[in-house]
């Protein structure tokens, strides 16, 4: 409706196809999470994106970009990418990776990480003793988890400044 009326638009992390959009560098976020886990001695790192009702990713979404970045990092390190997309996958994969001492999970977002902690707890897998999880997203939500999660926080203030500047330019 705004575009139809010629009103300048700037979306934040929204790929709506009109006006300008300020998006998070998903590749950099996944790389930071992956490197944090790798630096902690984790060679078996899996990627998890557990959306609402365990629904699959949609092409072009932030989750899709995060998954692609993870696959690229695995390829660069000669690792085999493993994605967790459902509760059944999570239980199976967590059991497999936690059989090793170097298990790490890069979660697409804080809700995914919190769900993984719940699943791991049901399986008797204690974090951080046997499992390390690093998530991208909301550090305040990540701190609500028990134990608290390590979180790669997007530069929200910078994103807001850039979006506001673009909108002011358009106005």
C-alpha atoms as a PDB file:
ATOM      1  CA  UNK A   1       0.000   0.000   0.000  1.00  0.00           C
ATOM      2  CA  UNK A   2       2.858   2.398   0.787  1.00  0.00           C
ATOM      3  CA  UNK A   3       4.618   1.689  -2.493  1.00  0.00           C
ATOM      4  CA  UNK A   4       1.365   2.198  -4.415  1.00  0.00           C
ATOM      5  CA  UNK A   5       1.105   5.668  -2.888  1.00  0.00           C
ATOM      6  CA  UNK A   6       4.760   6.460  -3.669  1.00  0.00           C
ATOM      7  CA  UNK A   7       5.790   6.540  -0.020  1.00  0.00           C
ATOM      8  CA  UNK A   8       9.503   5.768   0.436  1.00  0.00           C
ATOM      9  CA  UNK A   9      10.075   2.443   2.213  1.00  0.00           C
ATOM     10  CA  UNK A  10      13.015   0.840   3.954  1.00  0.00           C
ATOM     11  CA  UNK A  11      12.629  -2.621   5.446  1.00  0.00           C
ATOM     12  CA  UNK A  12      14.886  -4.128   8.082  1.00  0.00           C
ATOM     13  CA  UNK A  13      15.923  -7.719   7.431  1.00  0.00           C
ATOM     14  CA  UNK A  14      12.915  -8.085   5.201  1.00  0.00           C
ATOM     15  CA  UNK A  15      13.199  -9.134   1.635  1.00  0.00           C
ATOM     16  CA  UNK A  16       9.899  -7.636   0.519  1.00  0.00           C
ATOM     17  CA  UNK A  17      11.019  -6.634  -2.955  1.00  0.00           C
ATOM     18  CA  UNK A  18      10.233  -2.944  -2.744  1.00  0.00           C
ATOM     19  CA  UNK A  19      12.258   0.009  -1.600  1.00  0.00           C
ATOM     20  CA  UNK A  20      15.533  -0.435   0.213  1.00  0.00           C
ATOM     21  CA  UNK A  21      16.265  -3.233   2.659  1.00  0.00           C
ATOM     22  CA  UNK A  22      18.932  -3.356   5.352  1.00  0.00           C
ATOM     23  CA  UNK A  23      19.829  -6.972   6.058  1.00  0.00           C
ATOM     24  CA  UNK A  24      22.089  -8.801   8.450  1.00  0.00           C
ATOM     25  CA  UNK A  25      25.235 -10.350   6.975  1.00  0.00           C
ATOM     26  CA  UNK A  26      24.130 -13.941   7.534  1.00  0.00           C
ATOM     27  CA  UNK A  27      27.422 -15.337   6.238  1.00  0.00           C
ATOM     28  CA  UNK A  28      29.439 -13.364   8.790  1.00  0.00           C
ATOM     29  CA  UNK A  29      27.149 -14.413  11.640  1.00  0.00           C
ATOM     30  CA  UNK A  30      27.358 -18.106  10.808  1.00  0.00           C
ATOM     31  CA  UNK A  31      31.119 -17.820  10.322  1.00  0.00           C
ATOM     32  CA  UNK A  32      31.505 -16.234  13.791  1.00  0.00           C
ATOM     33  CA  UNK A  33      29.388 -18.971  15.411  1.00  0.00           C
ATOM     34  CA  UNK A  34      31.273 -21.700  13.551  1.00  0.00           C
ATOM     35  CA  UNK A  35      34.661 -20.196  14.450  1.00  0.00           C
ATOM     36  CA  UNK A  36      33.642 -19.867  18.119  1.00  0.00           C
ATOM     37  CA  UNK A  37      32.738 -23.551  18.237  1.00  0.00           C
ATOM     38  CA  UNK A  38      35.851 -24.548  16.288  1.00  0.00           C
ATOM     39  CA  UNK A  39      38.078 -22.495  18.624  1.00  0.00           C
ATOM     40  CA  UNK A  40      36.462 -24.317  21.545  1.00  0.00           C
ATOM     41  CA  UNK A  41      37.780 -27.593  20.171  1.00  0.00           C
ATOM     42  CA  UNK A  42      34.644 -28.697  18.335  1.00  0.00           C
ATOM     43  CA  UNK A  43      35.330 -30.422  15.043  1.00  0.00           C
ATOM     44  CA  UNK A  44      31.869 -31.981  14.669  1.00  0.00           C
ATOM     45  CA  UNK A  45      29.663 -28.939  14.118  1.00  0.00           C
ATOM     46  CA  UNK A  46      26.104 -29.203  12.904  1.00  0.00           C
ATOM     47  CA  UNK A  47      23.683 -26.475  11.880  1.00  0.00           C
ATOM     48  CA  UNK A  48      20.151 -26.313  13.254  1.00  0.00           C
ATOM     49  CA  UNK A  49      17.194 -24.251  12.136  1.00  0.00           C
ATOM     50  CA  UNK A  50      14.080 -25.311  14.000  1.00  0.00           C
ATOM     51  CA  UNK A  51      11.325 -22.952  12.927  1.00  0.00           C
ATOM     52  CA  UNK A  52       7.756 -22.676  14.133  1.00  0.00           C
ATOM     53  CA  UNK A  53       6.066 -26.051  13.981  1.00  0.00           C
ATOM     54  CA  UNK A  54       9.319 -27.442  12.526  1.00  0.00           C
ATOM     55  CA  UNK A  55       8.397 -26.120   9.079  1.00  0.00           C
ATOM     56  CA  UNK A  56      11.025 -26.192   6.307  1.00  0.00           C
ATOM     57  CA  UNK A  57      12.972 -23.146   5.145  1.00  0.00           C
ATOM     58  CA  UNK A  58      11.742 -21.034   2.258  1.00  0.00           C
ATOM     59  CA  UNK A  59      14.132 -20.019  -0.542  1.00  0.00           C
ATOM     60  CA  UNK A  60      15.556 -16.538  -0.140  1.00  0.00           C
ATOM     61  CA  UNK A  61      14.922 -16.345   3.597  1.00  0.00           C
ATOM     62  CA  UNK A  62      17.473 -15.419   6.244  1.00  0.00           C
ATOM     63  CA  UNK A  63      17.401 -19.051   7.375  1.00  0.00           C
ATOM     64  CA  UNK A  64      18.218 -20.123   3.826  1.00  0.00           C
ATOM     65  CA  UNK A  65      21.195 -17.752   3.718  1.00  0.00           C
ATOM     66  CA  UNK A  66      22.413 -19.038   7.094  1.00  0.00           C
ATOM     67  CA  UNK A  67      22.143 -22.641   5.905  1.00  0.00           C
ATOM     68  CA  UNK A  68      24.067 -21.834   2.710  1.00  0.00           C
ATOM     69  CA  UNK A  69      26.781 -20.078   4.737  1.00  0.00           C
ATOM     70  CA  UNK A  70      27.086 -23.120   7.003  1.00  0.00           C
ATOM     71  CA  UNK A  71      27.360 -25.485   4.013  1.00  0.00           C
ATOM     72  CA  UNK A  72      30.060 -23.260   2.527  1.00  0.00           C
ATOM     73  CA  UNK A  73      32.064 -23.282   5.780  1.00  0.00           C
ATOM     74  CA  UNK A  74      31.841 -27.057   5.976  1.00  0.00           C
ATOM     75  CA  UNK A  75      33.058 -27.346   2.411  1.00  0.00           C
ATOM     76  CA  UNK A  76      35.996 -25.025   3.129  1.00  0.00           C
ATOM     77  CA  UNK A  77      36.995 -27.170   6.130  1.00  0.00           C
ATOM     78  CA  UNK A  78      36.343 -30.496   4.389  1.00  0.00           C
ATOM     79  CA  UNK A  79      33.542 -31.283   6.832  1.00  0.00           C
ATOM     80  CA  UNK A  80      30.290 -32.991   5.958  1.00  0.00           C
ATOM     81  CA  UNK A  81      27.377 -30.589   6.481  1.00  0.00           C
ATOM     82  CA  UNK A  82      24.541 -31.942   8.609  1.00  0.00           C
ATOM     83  CA  UNK A  83      21.378 -29.912   8.975  1.00  0.00           C
ATOM     84  CA  UNK A  84      18.788 -30.350  11.677  1.00  0.00           C
ATOM     85  CA  UNK A  85      15.326 -29.283  10.548  1.00  0.00           C
ATOM     86  CA  UNK A  86      12.902 -31.297  12.688  1.00  0.00           C
ATOM     87  CA  UNK A  87      12.537 -32.589  16.228  1.00  0.00           C
ATOM     88  CA  UNK A  88      13.152 -36.161  15.026  1.00  0.00           C
ATOM     89  CA  UNK A  89      16.319 -35.026  13.196  1.00  0.00           C
ATOM     90  CA  UNK A  90      17.438 -33.153  16.294  1.00  0.00           C
ATOM     91  CA  UNK A  91      17.128 -36.167  18.585  1.00  0.00           C
ATOM     92  CA  UNK A  92      18.931 -38.440  16.101  1.00  0.00           C
ATOM     93  CA  UNK A  93      21.739 -36.009  15.236  1.00  0.00           C
ATOM     94  CA  UNK A  94      22.314 -34.851  18.817  1.00  0.00           C
ATOM     95  CA  UNK A  95      22.662 -38.477  19.864  1.00  0.00           C
ATOM     96  CA  UNK A  96      25.172 -39.116  17.079  1.00  0.00           C
ATOM     97  CA  UNK A  97      27.326 -36.020  17.575  1.00  0.00           C
ATOM     98  CA  UNK A  98      27.331 -36.294  21.337  1.00  0.00           C
ATOM     99  CA  UNK A  99      28.855 -39.756  21.016  1.00  0.00           C
ATOM    100  CA  UNK A 100      32.045 -37.744  20.298  1.00  0.00           C
ATOM    101  CA  UNK A 101      33.681 -35.338  22.711  1.00  0.00           C
ATOM    102  CA  UNK A 102      33.798 -32.518  20.178  1.00  0.00           C
ATOM    103  CA  UNK A 103      30.077 -31.899  19.574  1.00  0.00           C
ATOM    104  CA  UNK A 104      28.986 -28.401  18.678  1.00  0.00           C
ATOM    105  CA  UNK A 105      25.814 -26.904  17.216  1.00  0.00           C
ATOM    106  CA  UNK A 106      25.449 -23.629  15.359  1.00  0.00           C
ATOM    107  CA  UNK A 107      21.778 -22.712  15.807  1.00  0.00           C
ATOM    108  CA  UNK A 108      20.083 -20.393  13.322  1.00  0.00           C
ATOM    109  CA  UNK A 109      18.407 -18.406  16.073  1.00  0.00           C
ATOM    110  CA  UNK A 110      17.719 -18.261  19.808  1.00  0.00           C
ATOM    111  CA  UNK A 111      14.403 -20.189  19.677  1.00  0.00           C
ATOM    112  CA  UNK A 112      16.110 -23.026  17.745  1.00  0.00           C
ATOM    113  CA  UNK A 113      18.913 -23.129  20.307  1.00  0.00           C
ATOM    114  CA  UNK A 114      16.453 -23.214  23.198  1.00  0.00           C
ATOM    115  CA  UNK A 115      14.511 -26.067  21.586  1.00  0.00           C
ATOM    116  CA  UNK A 116      17.767 -27.965  21.075  1.00  0.00           C
ATOM    117  CA  UNK A 117      18.615 -27.545  24.758  1.00  0.00           C
ATOM    118  CA  UNK A 118      15.193 -28.982  25.658  1.00  0.00           C
ATOM    119  CA  UNK A 119      15.675 -31.956  23.319  1.00  0.00           C
ATOM    120  CA  UNK A 120      19.208 -32.546  24.604  1.00  0.00           C
ATOM    121  CA  UNK A 121      17.916 -32.429  28.183  1.00  0.00           C
ATOM    122  CA  UNK A 122      15.246 -35.039  27.366  1.00  0.00           C
ATOM    123  CA  UNK A 123      18.016 -37.221  25.905  1.00  0.00           C
ATOM    124  CA  UNK A 124      20.162 -36.770  29.015  1.00  0.00           C
ATOM    125  CA  UNK A 125      22.768 -34.734  27.120  1.00  0.00           C
ATOM    126  CA  UNK A 126      24.025 -31.949  29.359  1.00  0.00           C
ATOM    127  CA  UNK A 127      25.196 -28.628  27.998  1.00  0.00           C
ATOM    128  CA  UNK A 128      27.931 -27.407  28.133  1.00  0.00           C
ATOM    129  CA  UNK A 129      29.462 -30.646  29.470  1.00  0.00           C
ATOM    130  CA  UNK A 130      28.750 -32.761  26.375  1.00  0.00           C
ATOM    131  CA  UNK A 131      27.258 -30.245  23.945  1.00  0.00           C
ATOM    132  CA  UNK A 132      28.083 -26.670  22.990  1.00  0.00           C
ATOM    133  CA  UNK A 133      25.505 -24.504  21.242  1.00  0.00           C
ATOM    134  CA  UNK A 134      26.128 -21.096  19.700  1.00  0.00           C
ATOM    135  CA  UNK A 135      23.136 -19.251  18.285  1.00  0.00           C
ATOM    136  CA  UNK A 136      22.593 -16.233  16.103  1.00  0.00           C
ATOM    137  CA  UNK A 137      20.118 -13.632  17.250  1.00  0.00           C
ATOM    138  CA  UNK A 138      18.700 -12.356  20.497  1.00  0.00           C
ATOM    139  CA  UNK A 139      21.192 -12.453  23.385  1.00  0.00           C
ATOM    140  CA  UNK A 140      18.486 -11.509  25.902  1.00  0.00           C
ATOM    141  CA  UNK A 141      16.494 -14.612  24.944  1.00  0.00           C
ATOM    142  CA  UNK A 142      19.665 -16.722  24.924  1.00  0.00           C
ATOM    143  CA  UNK A 143      20.356 -15.634  28.505  1.00  0.00           C
ATOM    144  CA  UNK A 144      16.951 -17.023  29.578  1.00  0.00           C
ATOM    145  CA  UNK A 145      18.079 -20.543  28.711  1.00  0.00           C
ATOM    146  CA  UNK A 146      19.544 -22.827  31.349  1.00  0.00           C
ATOM    147  CA  UNK A 147      22.438 -22.874  30.953  1.00  0.00           C
ATOM    148  CA  UNK A 148      22.728 -19.535  29.173  1.00  0.00           C
ATOM    149  CA  UNK A 149      23.646 -19.815  25.502  1.00  0.00           C
ATOM    150  CA  UNK A 150      26.521 -18.199  23.657  1.00  0.00           C
ATOM    151  CA  UNK A 151      25.010 -15.835  21.114  1.00  0.00           C
ATOM    152  CA  UNK A 152      26.291 -13.979  18.046  1.00  0.00           C
ATOM    153  CA  UNK A 153      24.427 -10.701  18.304  1.00  0.00           C
ATOM    154  CA  UNK A 154      23.596  -8.783  15.133  1.00  0.00           C
ATOM    155  CA  UNK A 155      24.622  -5.096  15.143  1.00  0.00           C
ATOM    156  CA  UNK A 156      21.065  -3.848  15.747  1.00  0.00           C
ATOM    157  CA  UNK A 157      21.987  -0.235  16.471  1.00  0.00           C
ATOM    158  CA  UNK A 158      24.025  -0.005  13.266  1.00  0.00           C
ATOM    159  CA  UNK A 159      21.227  -1.605  11.248  1.00  0.00           C
ATOM    160  CA  UNK A 160      18.756   0.912  12.685  1.00  0.00           C
ATOM    161  CA  UNK A 161      21.055   3.850  11.901  1.00  0.00           C
ATOM    162  CA  UNK A 162      21.599   2.704   8.315  1.00  0.00           C
ATOM    163  CA  UNK A 163      17.870   2.097   7.772  1.00  0.00           C
ATOM    164  CA  UNK A 164      16.941   5.486   9.237  1.00  0.00           C
ATOM    165  CA  UNK A 165      19.599   7.192   7.103  1.00  0.00           C
ATOM    166  CA  UNK A 166      18.305   5.514   3.944  1.00  0.00           C
ATOM    167  CA  UNK A 167      14.744   6.497   4.754  1.00  0.00           C
ATOM    168  CA  UNK A 168      15.744  10.106   5.410  1.00  0.00           C
ATOM    169  CA  UNK A 169      17.584  10.179   2.057  1.00  0.00           C
ATOM    170  CA  UNK A 170      14.481   8.848   0.289  1.00  0.00           C
ATOM    171  CA  UNK A 171      12.217  11.382   2.025  1.00  0.00           C
END
